[in-house]
Amino acid sequence: MNLHTYKAVVARLRADGLDAAARINLLLNQQSGVPGHGETVGEICTAMRRLTESEGALITFQQYFAPTQPVVPPPPPVEEAPDPAAAEEKSLRLTEEELNNRSATFRKSRAKKKTNPKKSDE
């Protein structure tokens, strides 16, 4: 359904309901006396029927003919540029193999652990 047509129908039904409500309000707040009482009640009842008909038609129209939103896939995630500080921190971390290759102290400590296994209490 054309969105403009849908909005036009909704606007027309709302306008009809507001027109009927305004008519009821005018008739209820009328300062005339009792002489036209019979006509006033009949006019209010007629306006109430128009109001309820318009409101009901609007609700039904919206329930059955509401425009559907097209399913749009979410945009792909944006990859951020690598943070130079994080890359530098990552490059500062040494693996055990690198430590073994670079540090004599590390190699000595590893050798001591191998020669002195933990003694268990028996």
PDB file of N, CA and C in Angstrom:
ATOM      1  N   MET A   1       0.857  -1.169   0.000  1.00  0.00           N
ATOM      2  CA  MET A   1       0.000   0.000   0.000  1.00  0.00           C
ATOM      3  C   MET A   1       0.906   1.235   0.000  1.00  0.00           C
ATOM      4  N   ASN A   2       0.459   2.217  -0.714  1.00  0.00           N
ATOM      5  CA  ASN A   2       1.163   3.481  -0.770  1.00  0.00           C
ATOM      6  C   ASN A   2       1.083   4.147   0.608  1.00  0.00           C
ATOM      7  N   LEU A   3       2.208   4.588   1.120  1.00  0.00           N
ATOM      8  CA  LEU A   3       2.259   5.187   2.456  1.00  0.00           C
ATOM      9  C   LEU A   3       1.438   6.469   2.513  1.00  0.00           C
ATOM     10  N   HIS A   4       1.446   7.244   1.433  1.00  0.00           N
ATOM     11  CA  HIS A   4       0.664   8.490   1.424  1.00  0.00           C
ATOM     12  C   HIS A   4      -0.836   8.193   1.497  1.00  0.00           C
ATOM     13  N   THR A   5      -1.277   7.170   0.811  1.00  0.00           N
ATOM     14  CA  THR A   5      -2.690   6.782   0.855  1.00  0.00           C
ATOM     15  C   THR A   5      -3.062   6.318   2.257  1.00  0.00           C
ATOM     16  N   TYR A   6      -2.187   5.525   2.863  1.00  0.00           N
ATOM     17  CA  TYR A   6      -2.432   5.042   4.228  1.00  0.00           C
ATOM     18  C   TYR A   6      -2.579   6.231   5.180  1.00  0.00           C
ATOM     19  N   LYS A   7      -1.647   7.171   5.104  1.00  0.00           N
ATOM     20  CA  LYS A   7      -1.696   8.340   5.997  1.00  0.00           C
ATOM     21  C   LYS A   7      -2.936   9.188   5.738  1.00  0.00           C
ATOM     22  N   ALA A   8      -3.360   9.272   4.483  1.00  0.00           N
ATOM     23  CA  ALA A   8      -4.560  10.047   4.158  1.00  0.00           C
ATOM     24  C   ALA A   8      -5.810   9.418   4.769  1.00  0.00           C
ATOM     25  N   VAL A   9      -5.899   8.084   4.703  1.00  0.00           N
ATOM     26  CA  VAL A   9      -7.053   7.397   5.296  1.00  0.00           C
ATOM     27  C   VAL A   9      -7.071   7.601   6.809  1.00  0.00           C
ATOM     28  N   VAL A  10      -5.914   7.456   7.446  1.00  0.00           N
ATOM     29  CA  VAL A  10      -5.826   7.650   8.904  1.00  0.00           C
ATOM     30  C   VAL A  10      -6.227   9.082   9.263  1.00  0.00           C
ATOM     31  N   ALA A  11      -5.732  10.054   8.506  1.00  0.00           N
ATOM     32  CA  ALA A  11      -6.062  11.456   8.783  1.00  0.00           C
ATOM     33  C   ALA A  11      -7.560  11.716   8.619  1.00  0.00           C
ATOM     34  N   ARG A  12      -8.157  11.122   7.579  1.00  0.00           N
ATOM     35  CA  ARG A  12      -9.592  11.324   7.341  1.00  0.00           C
ATOM     36  C   ARG A  12     -10.407  10.743   8.490  1.00  0.00           C
ATOM     37  N   LEU A  13     -10.082   9.535   8.934  1.00  0.00           N
ATOM     38  CA  LEU A  13     -10.828   8.905  10.029  1.00  0.00           C
ATOM     39  C   LEU A  13     -10.656   9.688  11.333  1.00  0.00           C
ATOM     40  N   ARG A  14      -9.447  10.188  11.568  1.00  0.00           N
ATOM     41  CA  ARG A  14      -9.230  11.003  12.778  1.00  0.00           C
ATOM     42  C   ARG A  14     -10.026  12.302  12.693  1.00  0.00           C
ATOM     43  N   ALA A  15     -10.015  12.915  11.513  1.00  0.00           N
ATOM     44  CA  ALA A  15     -10.752  14.172  11.331  1.00  0.00           C
ATOM     45  C   ALA A  15     -12.251  13.963  11.548  1.00  0.00           C
ATOM     46  N   ASP A  16     -12.785  12.862  11.019  1.00  0.00           N
ATOM     47  CA  ASP A  16     -14.205  12.564  11.230  1.00  0.00           C
ATOM     48  C   ASP A  16     -14.511  12.391  12.717  1.00  0.00           C
ATOM     49  N   GLY A  17     -13.641  11.697  13.429  1.00  0.00           N
ATOM     50  CA  GLY A  17     -13.841  11.503  14.865  1.00  0.00           C
ATOM     51  C   GLY A  17     -13.746  12.807  15.634  1.00  0.00           C
ATOM     52  N   LEU A  18     -12.768  13.640  15.282  1.00  0.00           N
ATOM     53  CA  LEU A  18     -12.626  14.935  15.962  1.00  0.00           C
ATOM     54  C   LEU A  18     -13.805  15.860  15.648  1.00  0.00           C
ATOM     55  N   ASP A  19     -14.308  15.793  14.444  1.00  0.00           N
ATOM     56  CA  ASP A  19     -15.471  16.604  14.072  1.00  0.00           C
ATOM     57  C   ASP A  19     -16.685  16.192  14.906  1.00  0.00           C
ATOM     58  N   ALA A  20     -16.880  14.894  15.054  1.00  0.00           N
ATOM     59  CA  ALA A  20     -18.005  14.404  15.859  1.00  0.00           C
ATOM     60  C   ALA A  20     -17.830  14.791  17.332  1.00  0.00           C
ATOM     61  N   ALA A  21     -16.606  14.681  17.843  1.00  0.00           N
ATOM     62  CA  ALA A  21     -16.349  15.044  19.244  1.00  0.00           C
ATOM     63  C   ALA A  21     -16.585  16.540  19.465  1.00  0.00           C
ATOM     64  N   ALA A  22     -16.168  17.354  18.508  1.00  0.00           N
ATOM     65  CA  ALA A  22     -16.397  18.803  18.625  1.00  0.00           C
ATOM     66  C   ALA A  22     -17.883  19.118  18.607  1.00  0.00           C
ATOM     67  N   ARG A  23     -18.609  18.423  17.769  1.00  0.00           N
ATOM     68  CA  ARG A  23     -20.070  18.632  17.699  1.00  0.00           C
ATOM     69  C   ARG A  23     -20.732  18.271  19.025  1.00  0.00           C
ATOM     70  N   ILE A  24     -20.309  17.157  19.614  1.00  0.00           N
ATOM     71  CA  ILE A  24     -20.858  16.738  20.919  1.00  0.00           C
ATOM     72  C   ILE A  24     -20.531  17.781  21.977  1.00  0.00           C
ATOM     73  N   ASN A  25     -19.291  18.242  21.990  1.00  0.00           N
ATOM     74  CA  ASN A  25     -18.868  19.248  22.969  1.00  0.00           C
ATOM     75  C   ASN A  25     -19.680  20.526  22.815  1.00  0.00           C
ATOM     76  N   LEU A  26     -19.889  20.937  21.594  1.00  0.00           N
ATOM     77  CA  LEU A  26     -20.678  22.138  21.330  1.00  0.00           C
ATOM     78  C   LEU A  26     -22.119  21.977  21.820  1.00  0.00           C
ATOM     79  N   LEU A  27     -22.697  20.822  21.531  1.00  0.00           N
ATOM     80  CA  LEU A  27     -24.087  20.584  21.948  1.00  0.00           C
ATOM     81  C   LEU A  27     -24.214  20.480  23.467  1.00  0.00           C
ATOM     82  N   LEU A  28     -23.236  19.893  24.121  1.00  0.00           N
ATOM     83  CA  LEU A  28     -23.298  19.758  25.582  1.00  0.00           C
ATOM     84  C   LEU A  28     -23.115  21.095  26.290  1.00  0.00           C
ATOM     85  N   ASN A  29     -22.324  21.974  25.715  1.00  0.00           N
ATOM     86  CA  ASN A  29     -22.046  23.264  26.354  1.00  0.00           C
ATOM     87  C   ASN A  29     -22.935  24.390  25.830  1.00  0.00           C
ATOM     88  N   GLN A  30     -23.931  24.031  25.075  1.00  0.00           N
ATOM     89  CA  GLN A  30     -24.854  25.013  24.516  1.00  0.00           C
ATOM     90  C   GLN A  30     -25.636  25.679  25.643  1.00  0.00           C
ATOM     91  N   GLN A  31     -25.779  27.013  25.573  1.00  0.00           N
ATOM     92  CA  GLN A  31     -26.460  27.758  26.628  1.00  0.00           C
ATOM     93  C   GLN A  31     -27.966  27.907  26.365  1.00  0.00           C
ATOM     94  N   SER A  32     -28.453  27.294  25.323  1.00  0.00           N
ATOM     95  CA  SER A  32     -29.891  27.417  25.054  1.00  0.00           C
ATOM     96  C   SER A  32     -30.669  26.644  26.107  1.00  0.00           C
ATOM     97  N   GLY A  33     -31.858  27.023  26.302  1.00  0.00           N
ATOM     98  CA  GLY A  33     -32.692  26.412  27.334  1.00  0.00           C
ATOM     99  C   GLY A  33     -33.276  25.087  26.890  1.00  0.00           C
ATOM    100  N   VAL A  34     -34.329  24.695  27.516  1.00  0.00           N
ATOM    101  CA  VAL A  34     -34.985  23.414  27.328  1.00  0.00           C
ATOM    102  C   VAL A  34     -35.740  23.292  26.006  1.00  0.00           C
ATOM    103  N   PRO A  35     -36.179  24.361  25.333  1.00  0.00           N
ATOM    104  CA  PRO A  35     -37.054  24.187  24.186  1.00  0.00           C
ATOM    105  C   PRO A  35     -36.549  23.210  23.128  1.00  0.00           C
ATOM    106  N   GLY A  36     -35.282  23.189  22.728  1.00  0.00           N
ATOM    107  CA  GLY A  36     -34.820  22.279  21.698  1.00  0.00           C
ATOM    108  C   GLY A  36     -34.219  21.017  22.277  1.00  0.00           C
ATOM    109  N   HIS A  37     -34.650  20.645  23.463  1.00  0.00           N
ATOM    110  CA  HIS A  37     -34.042  19.526  24.189  1.00  0.00           C
ATOM    111  C   HIS A  37     -34.092  18.219  23.412  1.00  0.00           C
ATOM    112  N   GLY A  38     -35.195  17.902  22.832  1.00  0.00           N
ATOM    113  CA  GLY A  38     -35.357  16.651  22.093  1.00  0.00           C
ATOM    114  C   GLY A  38     -34.407  16.573  20.915  1.00  0.00           C
ATOM    115  N   GLU A  39     -34.262  17.676  20.196  1.00  0.00           N
ATOM    116  CA  GLU A  39     -33.358  17.697  19.053  1.00  0.00           C
ATOM    117  C   GLU A  39     -31.902  17.599  19.499  1.00  0.00           C
ATOM    118  N   THR A  40     -31.561  18.243  20.587  1.00  0.00           N
ATOM    119  CA  THR A  40     -30.176  18.240  21.076  1.00  0.00           C
ATOM    120  C   THR A  40     -29.748  16.830  21.452  1.00  0.00           C
ATOM    121  N   VAL A  41     -30.583  16.110  22.163  1.00  0.00           N
ATOM    122  CA  VAL A  41     -30.245  14.746  22.572  1.00  0.00           C
ATOM    123  C   VAL A  41     -30.064  13.858  21.349  1.00  0.00           C
ATOM    124  N   GLY A  42     -30.963  13.996  20.379  1.00  0.00           N
ATOM    125  CA  GLY A  42     -30.864  13.210  19.151  1.00  0.00           C
ATOM    126  C   GLY A  42     -29.590  13.526  18.377  1.00  0.00           C
ATOM    127  N   GLU A  43     -29.226  14.812  18.323  1.00  0.00           N
ATOM    128  CA  GLU A  43     -28.006  15.208  17.621  1.00  0.00           C
ATOM    129  C   GLU A  43     -26.755  14.684  18.339  1.00  0.00           C
ATOM    130  N   ILE A  44     -26.771  14.698  19.664  1.00  0.00           N
ATOM    131  CA  ILE A  44     -25.634  14.169  20.431  1.00  0.00           C
ATOM    132  C   ILE A  44     -25.499  12.672  20.182  1.00  0.00           C
ATOM    133  N   CYS A  45     -26.617  11.967  20.177  1.00  0.00           N
ATOM    134  CA  CYS A  45     -26.574  10.514  19.919  1.00  0.00           C
ATOM    135  C   CYS A  45     -26.052  10.223  18.517  1.00  0.00           C
ATOM    136  N   THR A  46     -26.486  11.018  17.538  1.00  0.00           N
ATOM    137  CA  THR A  46     -26.005  10.837  16.169  1.00  0.00           C
ATOM    138  C   THR A  46     -24.493  11.104  16.094  1.00  0.00           C
ATOM    139  N   ALA A  47     -24.051  12.165  16.751  1.00  0.00           N
ATOM    140  CA  ALA A  47     -22.621  12.497  16.751  1.00  0.00           C
ATOM    141  C   ALA A  47     -21.809  11.414  17.472  1.00  0.00           C
ATOM    142  N   MET A  48     -22.379  10.841  18.530  1.00  0.00           N
ATOM    143  CA  MET A  48     -21.686   9.753  19.247  1.00  0.00           C
ATOM    144  C   MET A  48     -21.527   8.540  18.347  1.00  0.00           C
ATOM    145  N   ARG A  49     -22.544   8.230  17.563  1.00  0.00           N
ATOM    146  CA  ARG A  49     -22.434   7.101  16.631  1.00  0.00           C
ATOM    147  C   ARG A  49     -21.343   7.364  15.591  1.00  0.00           C
ATOM    148  N   ARG A  50     -21.297   8.604  15.093  1.00  0.00           N
ATOM    149  CA  ARG A  50     -20.238   8.958  14.135  1.00  0.00           C
ATOM    150  C   ARG A  50     -18.855   8.848  14.779  1.00  0.00           C
ATOM    151  N   LEU A  51     -18.755   9.294  16.029  1.00  0.00           N
ATOM    152  CA  LEU A  51     -17.466   9.244  16.737  1.00  0.00           C
ATOM    153  C   LEU A  51     -17.015   7.802  16.933  1.00  0.00           C
ATOM    154  N   THR A  52     -17.916   6.955  17.444  1.00  0.00           N
ATOM    155  CA  THR A  52     -17.528   5.560  17.682  1.00  0.00           C
ATOM    156  C   THR A  52     -17.256   4.827  16.376  1.00  0.00           C
ATOM    157  N   GLU A  53     -17.999   5.163  15.330  1.00  0.00           N
ATOM    158  CA  GLU A  53     -17.762   4.542  14.026  1.00  0.00           C
ATOM    159  C   GLU A  53     -16.386   4.936  13.479  1.00  0.00           C
ATOM    160  N   SER A  54     -16.061   6.201  13.602  1.00  0.00           N
ATOM    161  CA  SER A  54     -14.758   6.673  13.112  1.00  0.00           C
ATOM    162  C   SER A  54     -13.611   6.059  13.905  1.00  0.00           C
ATOM    163  N   GLU A  55     -13.746   6.045  15.234  1.00  0.00           N
ATOM    164  CA  GLU A  55     -12.696   5.465  16.086  1.00  0.00           C
ATOM    165  C   GLU A  55     -12.522   3.975  15.799  1.00  0.00           C
ATOM    166  N   GLY A  56     -13.632   3.260  15.688  1.00  0.00           N
ATOM    167  CA  GLY A  56     -13.564   1.826  15.399  1.00  0.00           C
ATOM    168  C   GLY A  56     -12.960   1.547  14.036  1.00  0.00           C
ATOM    169  N   ALA A  57     -13.359   2.349  13.055  1.00  0.00           N
ATOM    170  CA  ALA A  57     -12.803   2.173  11.709  1.00  0.00           C
ATOM    171  C   ALA A  57     -11.305   2.462  11.705  1.00  0.00           C
ATOM    172  N   LEU A  58     -10.869   3.471  12.448  1.00  0.00           N
ATOM    173  CA  LEU A  58      -9.445   3.805  12.515  1.00  0.00           C
ATOM    174  C   LEU A  58      -8.641   2.664  13.130  1.00  0.00           C
ATOM    175  N   ILE A  59      -9.139   2.136  14.232  1.00  0.00           N
ATOM    176  CA  ILE A  59      -8.441   1.029  14.904  1.00  0.00           C
ATOM    177  C   ILE A  59      -8.377  -0.198  13.998  1.00  0.00           C
ATOM    178  N   THR A  60      -9.494  -0.531  13.381  1.00  0.00           N
ATOM    179  CA  THR A  60      -9.531  -1.694  12.489  1.00  0.00           C
ATOM    180  C   THR A  60      -8.599  -1.498  11.298  1.00  0.00           C
ATOM    181  N   PHE A  61      -8.629  -0.314  10.713  1.00  0.00           N
ATOM    182  CA  PHE A  61      -7.769  -0.024   9.569  1.00  0.00           C
ATOM    183  C   PHE A  61      -6.296  -0.165   9.949  1.00  0.00           C
ATOM    184  N   GLN A  62      -5.917   0.372  11.097  1.00  0.00           N
ATOM    185  CA  GLN A  62      -4.521   0.289  11.529  1.00  0.00           C
ATOM    186  C   GLN A  62      -4.109  -1.151  11.830  1.00  0.00           C
ATOM    187  N   GLN A  63      -5.011  -1.943  12.391  1.00  0.00           N
ATOM    188  CA  GLN A  63      -4.677  -3.331  12.705  1.00  0.00           C
ATOM    189  C   GLN A  63      -4.480  -4.169  11.448  1.00  0.00           C
ATOM    190  N   TYR A  64      -5.332  -3.985  10.464  1.00  0.00           N
ATOM    191  CA  TYR A  64      -5.293  -4.838   9.277  1.00  0.00           C
ATOM    192  C   TYR A  64      -4.384  -4.324   8.161  1.00  0.00           C
ATOM    193  N   PHE A  65      -4.207  -3.022   8.086  1.00  0.00           N
ATOM    194  CA  PHE A  65      -3.508  -2.475   6.932  1.00  0.00           C
ATOM    195  C   PHE A  65      -2.303  -1.611   7.291  1.00  0.00           C
ATOM    196  N   ALA A  66      -1.764  -1.780   8.470  1.00  0.00           N
ATOM    197  CA  ALA A  66      -0.588  -0.996   8.860  1.00  0.00           C
ATOM    198  C   ALA A  66       0.561  -1.314   7.907  1.00  0.00           C
ATOM    199  N   PRO A  67       1.270  -0.278   7.452  1.00  0.00           N
ATOM    200  CA  PRO A  67       2.381  -0.545   6.534  1.00  0.00           C
ATOM    201  C   PRO A  67       3.477  -1.323   7.253  1.00  0.00           C
ATOM    202  N   THR A  68       4.021  -2.283   6.548  1.00  0.00           N
ATOM    203  CA  THR A  68       5.097  -3.076   7.140  1.00  0.00           C
ATOM    204  C   THR A  68       6.420  -2.412   6.830  1.00  0.00           C
ATOM    205  N   GLN A  69       7.308  -2.487   7.783  1.00  0.00           N
ATOM    206  CA  GLN A  69       8.642  -1.928   7.604  1.00  0.00           C
ATOM    207  C   GLN A  69       9.490  -2.926   6.842  1.00  0.00           C
ATOM    208  N   PRO A  70      10.199  -2.486   5.817  1.00  0.00           N
ATOM    209  CA  PRO A  70      11.072  -3.420   5.108  1.00  0.00           C
ATOM    210  C   PRO A  70      12.195  -3.879   6.029  1.00  0.00           C
ATOM    211  N   VAL A  71      12.548  -5.143   5.885  1.00  0.00           N
ATOM    212  CA  VAL A  71      13.608  -5.699   6.711  1.00  0.00           C
ATOM    213  C   VAL A  71      14.942  -5.285   6.101  1.00  0.00           C
ATOM    214  N   VAL A  72      15.655  -4.468   6.844  1.00  0.00           N
ATOM    215  CA  VAL A  72      16.953  -3.989   6.385  1.00  0.00           C
ATOM    216  C   VAL A  72      18.023  -4.676   7.223  1.00  0.00           C
ATOM    217  N   PRO A  73      18.961  -5.353   6.581  1.00  0.00           N
ATOM    218  CA  PRO A  73      19.998  -6.011   7.368  1.00  0.00           C
ATOM    219  C   PRO A  73      20.864  -4.969   8.061  1.00  0.00           C
ATOM    220  N   PRO A  74      21.348  -5.293   9.254  1.00  0.00           N
ATOM    221  CA  PRO A  74      22.188  -4.331   9.959  1.00  0.00           C
ATOM    222  C   PRO A  74      23.487  -4.110   9.196  1.00  0.00           C
ATOM    223  N   PRO A  75      24.040  -2.920   9.307  1.00  0.00           N
ATOM    224  CA  PRO A  75      25.288  -2.656   8.600  1.00  0.00           C
ATOM    225  C   PRO A  75      26.417  -3.512   9.169  1.00  0.00           C
ATOM    226  N   PRO A  76      27.389  -3.843   8.326  1.00  0.00           N
ATOM    227  CA  PRO A  76      28.497  -4.660   8.830  1.00  0.00           C
ATOM    228  C   PRO A  76      29.273  -3.879   9.876  1.00  0.00           C
ATOM    229  N   PRO A  77      29.852  -4.584  10.839  1.00  0.00           N
ATOM    230  CA  PRO A  77      30.593  -3.875  11.878  1.00  0.00           C
ATOM    231  C   PRO A  77      31.802  -3.155  11.286  1.00  0.00           C
ATOM    232  N   VAL A  78      32.043  -1.984  11.800  1.00  0.00           N
ATOM    233  CA  VAL A  78      33.157  -1.179  11.332  1.00  0.00           C
ATOM    234  C   VAL A  78      34.413  -1.606  12.081  1.00  0.00           C
ATOM    235  N   GLU A  79      35.411  -1.970  11.314  1.00  0.00           N
ATOM    236  CA  GLU A  79      36.667  -2.368  11.938  1.00  0.00           C
ATOM    237  C   GLU A  79      37.455  -1.119  12.270  1.00  0.00           C
ATOM    238  N   GLU A  80      37.850  -1.029  13.518  1.00  0.00           N
ATOM    239  CA  GLU A  80      38.606   0.131  13.951  1.00  0.00           C
ATOM    240  C   GLU A  80      40.074  -0.050  13.595  1.00  0.00           C
ATOM    241  N   ALA A  81      40.729   1.050  13.387  1.00  0.00           N
ATOM    242  CA  ALA A  81      42.161   1.004  13.108  1.00  0.00           C
ATOM    243  C   ALA A  81      42.877   0.509  14.357  1.00  0.00           C
ATOM    244  N   PRO A  82      43.913  -0.279  14.178  1.00  0.00           N
ATOM    245  CA  PRO A  82      44.611  -0.794  15.352  1.00  0.00           C
ATOM    246  C   PRO A  82      45.205   0.340  16.170  1.00  0.00           C
ATOM    247  N   ASP A  83      45.093   0.202  17.464  1.00  0.00           N
ATOM    248  CA  ASP A  83      45.614   1.186  18.393  1.00  0.00           C
ATOM    249  C   ASP A  83      47.128   1.007  18.495  1.00  0.00           C
ATOM    250  N   PRO A  84      47.912   2.036  18.178  1.00  0.00           N
ATOM    251  CA  PRO A  84      49.374   1.877  18.227  1.00  0.00           C
ATOM    252  C   PRO A  84      49.875   1.520  19.622  1.00  0.00           C
ATOM    253  N   ALA A  85      49.238   2.067  20.664  1.00  0.00           N
ATOM    254  CA  ALA A  85      49.683   1.764  22.033  1.00  0.00           C
ATOM    255  C   ALA A  85      49.437   0.292  22.350  1.00  0.00           C
ATOM    256  N   ALA A  86      48.285  -0.252  21.907  1.00  0.00           N
ATOM    257  CA  ALA A  86      47.989  -1.662  22.164  1.00  0.00           C
ATOM    258  C   ALA A  86      48.941  -2.558  21.386  1.00  0.00           C
ATOM    259  N   ALA A  87      49.269  -2.158  20.164  1.00  0.00           N
ATOM    260  CA  ALA A  87      50.201  -2.954  19.362  1.00  0.00           C
ATOM    261  C   ALA A  87      51.579  -2.952  20.001  1.00  0.00           C
ATOM    262  N   GLU A  88      51.987  -1.797  20.533  1.00  0.00           N
ATOM    263  CA  GLU A  88      53.296  -1.706  21.186  1.00  0.00           C
ATOM    264  C   GLU A  88      53.326  -2.562  22.443  1.00  0.00           C
ATOM    265  N   GLU A  89      52.217  -2.510  23.229  1.00  0.00           N
ATOM    266  CA  GLU A  89      52.155  -3.316  24.451  1.00  0.00           C
ATOM    267  C   GLU A  89      52.216  -4.799  24.118  1.00  0.00           C
ATOM    268  N   LYS A  90      51.516  -5.174  23.052  1.00  0.00           N
ATOM    269  CA  LYS A  90      51.508  -6.574  22.647  1.00  0.00           C
ATOM    270  C   LYS A  90      52.891  -7.004  22.198  1.00  0.00           C
ATOM    271  N   SER A  91      53.602  -6.107  21.514  1.00  0.00           N
ATOM    272  CA  SER A  91      54.936  -6.464  21.051  1.00  0.00           C
ATOM    273  C   SER A  91      55.920  -6.555  22.208  1.00  0.00           C
ATOM    274  N   LEU A  92      55.620  -5.926  23.346  1.00  0.00           N
ATOM    275  CA  LEU A  92      56.516  -5.984  24.495  1.00  0.00           C
ATOM    276  C   LEU A  92      56.403  -7.299  25.265  1.00  0.00           C
ATOM    277  N   ARG A  93      55.337  -8.017  25.050  1.00  0.00           N
ATOM    278  CA  ARG A  93      55.154  -9.287  25.745  1.00  0.00           C
ATOM    279  C   ARG A  93      56.045 -10.349  25.099  1.00  0.00           C
ATOM    280  N   LEU A  94      56.726 -11.092  25.930  1.00  0.00           N
ATOM    281  CA  LEU A  94      57.615 -12.146  25.441  1.00  0.00           C
ATOM    282  C   LEU A  94      57.028 -13.508  25.747  1.00  0.00           C
ATOM    283  N   THR A  95      57.174 -14.397  24.805  1.00  0.00           N
ATOM    284  CA  THR A  95      56.752 -15.771  25.048  1.00  0.00           C
ATOM    285  C   THR A  95      57.852 -16.483  25.818  1.00  0.00           C
ATOM    286  N   GLU A  96      57.504 -17.635  26.330  1.00  0.00           N
ATOM    287  CA  GLU A  96      58.491 -18.409  27.088  1.00  0.00           C
ATOM    288  C   GLU A  96      59.682 -18.775  26.208  1.00  0.00           C
ATOM    289  N   GLU A  97      59.425 -19.071  24.964  1.00  0.00           N
ATOM    290  CA  GLU A  97      60.507 -19.428  24.038  1.00  0.00           C
ATOM    291  C   GLU A  97      61.440 -18.241  23.807  1.00  0.00           C
ATOM    292  N   GLU A  98      60.854 -17.030  23.631  1.00  0.00           N
ATOM    293  CA  GLU A  98      61.678 -15.843  23.438  1.00  0.00           C
ATOM    294  C   GLU A  98      62.516 -15.554  24.681  1.00  0.00           C
ATOM    295  N   LEU A  99      61.888 -15.712  25.860  1.00  0.00           N
ATOM    296  CA  LEU A  99      62.643 -15.506  27.102  1.00  0.00           C
ATOM    297  C   LEU A  99      63.810 -16.489  27.195  1.00  0.00           C
ATOM    298  N   ASN A 100      63.546 -17.700  26.839  1.00  0.00           N
ATOM    299  CA  ASN A 100      64.590 -18.732  26.893  1.00  0.00           C
ATOM    300  C   ASN A 100      65.746 -18.377  25.953  1.00  0.00           C
ATOM    301  N   ASN A 101      65.431 -17.831  24.791  1.00  0.00           N
ATOM    302  CA  ASN A 101      66.462 -17.460  23.827  1.00  0.00           C
ATOM    303  C   ASN A 101      67.219 -16.206  24.243  1.00  0.00           C
ATOM    304  N   ARG A 102      66.557 -15.256  24.901  1.00  0.00           N
ATOM    305  CA  ARG A 102      67.161 -13.956  25.198  1.00  0.00           C
ATOM    306  C   ARG A 102      67.800 -13.845  26.580  1.00  0.00           C
ATOM    307  N   SER A 103      67.297 -14.579  27.544  1.00  0.00           N
ATOM    308  CA  SER A 103      67.699 -14.320  28.927  1.00  0.00           C
ATOM    309  C   SER A 103      68.446 -15.496  29.540  1.00  0.00           C
ATOM    310  N   ALA A 104      69.696 -15.222  29.904  1.00  0.00           N
ATOM    311  CA  ALA A 104      70.502 -16.248  30.571  1.00  0.00           C
ATOM    312  C   ALA A 104      69.934 -16.531  31.951  1.00  0.00           C
ATOM    313  N   THR A 105      69.444 -15.512  32.635  1.00  0.00           N
ATOM    314  CA  THR A 105      68.874 -15.685  33.967  1.00  0.00           C
ATOM    315  C   THR A 105      67.651 -16.586  33.912  1.00  0.00           C
ATOM    316  N   PHE A 106      66.840 -16.392  32.915  1.00  0.00           N
ATOM    317  CA  PHE A 106      65.654 -17.230  32.758  1.00  0.00           C
ATOM    318  C   PHE A 106      66.056 -18.682  32.512  1.00  0.00           C
ATOM    319  N   ARG A 107      67.057 -18.881  31.666  1.00  0.00           N
ATOM    320  CA  ARG A 107      67.515 -20.251  31.387  1.00  0.00           C
ATOM    321  C   ARG A 107      68.055 -20.902  32.657  1.00  0.00           C
ATOM    322  N   LYS A 108      68.790 -20.143  33.483  1.00  0.00           N
ATOM    323  CA  LYS A 108      69.330 -20.685  34.733  1.00  0.00           C
ATOM    324  C   LYS A 108      68.200 -21.070  35.683  1.00  0.00           C
ATOM    325  N   SER A 109      67.180 -20.191  35.772  1.00  0.00           N
ATOM    326  CA  SER A 109      66.072 -20.489  36.685  1.00  0.00           C
ATOM    327  C   SER A 109      65.307 -21.728  36.228  1.00  0.00           C
ATOM    328  N   ARG A 110      65.161 -21.887  34.934  1.00  0.00           N
ATOM    329  CA  ARG A 110      64.484 -23.072  34.406  1.00  0.00           C
ATOM    330  C   ARG A 110      65.319 -24.331  34.666  1.00  0.00           C
ATOM    331  N   ALA A 111      66.634 -24.205  34.572  1.00  0.00           N
ATOM    332  CA  ALA A 111      67.513 -25.347  34.821  1.00  0.00           C
ATOM    333  C   ALA A 111      67.450 -25.749  36.278  1.00  0.00           C
ATOM    334  N   LYS A 112      67.386 -24.787  37.193  1.00  0.00           N
ATOM    335  CA  LYS A 112      67.306 -25.091  38.625  1.00  0.00           C
ATOM    336  C   LYS A 112      66.007 -25.827  38.944  1.00  0.00           C
ATOM    337  N   LYS A 113      64.911 -25.421  38.316  1.00  0.00           N
ATOM    338  CA  LYS A 113      63.626 -26.075  38.564  1.00  0.00           C
ATOM    339  C   LYS A 113      63.670 -27.534  38.119  1.00  0.00           C
ATOM    340  N   LYS A 114      64.363 -27.796  37.034  1.00  0.00           N
ATOM    341  CA  LYS A 114      64.444 -29.159  36.536  1.00  0.00           C
ATOM    342  C   LYS A 114      65.325 -30.028  37.436  1.00  0.00           C
ATOM    343  N   THR A 115      66.394 -29.465  38.000  1.00  0.00           N
ATOM    344  CA  THR A 115      67.304 -30.262  38.831  1.00  0.00           C
ATOM    345  C   THR A 115      66.807 -30.398  40.270  1.00  0.00           C
ATOM    346  N   ASN A 116      66.030 -29.459  40.751  1.00  0.00           N
ATOM    347  CA  ASN A 116      65.523 -29.513  42.119  1.00  0.00           C
ATOM    348  C   ASN A 116      64.005 -29.696  42.133  1.00  0.00           C
ATOM    349  N   PRO A 117      63.520 -30.915  41.911  1.00  0.00           N
ATOM    350  CA  PRO A 117      62.058 -31.094  41.967  1.00  0.00           C
ATOM    351  C   PRO A 117      61.574 -30.893  43.381  1.00  0.00           C
ATOM    352  N   LYS A 118      60.320 -30.524  43.529  1.00  0.00           N
ATOM    353  CA  LYS A 118      59.751 -30.260  44.858  1.00  0.00           C
ATOM    354  C   LYS A 118      59.740 -31.551  45.668  1.00  0.00           C
ATOM    355  N   LYS A 119      60.114 -31.385  46.925  1.00  0.00           N
ATOM    356  CA  LYS A 119      60.082 -32.527  47.826  1.00  0.00           C
ATOM    357  C   LYS A 119      58.695 -32.597  48.460  1.00  0.00           C
ATOM    358  N   SER A 120      58.115 -33.766  48.428  1.00  0.00           N
ATOM    359  CA  SER A 120      56.783 -33.923  49.019  1.00  0.00           C
ATOM    360  C   SER A 120      56.922 -34.424  50.436  1.00  0.00           C
ATOM    361  N   ASP A 121      56.068 -33.973  51.323  1.00  0.00           N
ATOM    362  CA  ASP A 121      56.074 -34.411  52.733  1.00  0.00           C
ATOM    363  C   ASP A 121      55.366 -35.767  52.836  1.00  0.00           C
ATOM    364  N   GLU A 122      56.077 -36.720  53.388  1.00  0.00           N
ATOM    365  CA  GLU A 122      55.476 -38.061  53.513  1.00  0.00           C
ATOM    366  C   GLU A 122      55.210 -38.381  54.958  1.00  0.00           C
TER     367      GLU A 122
END
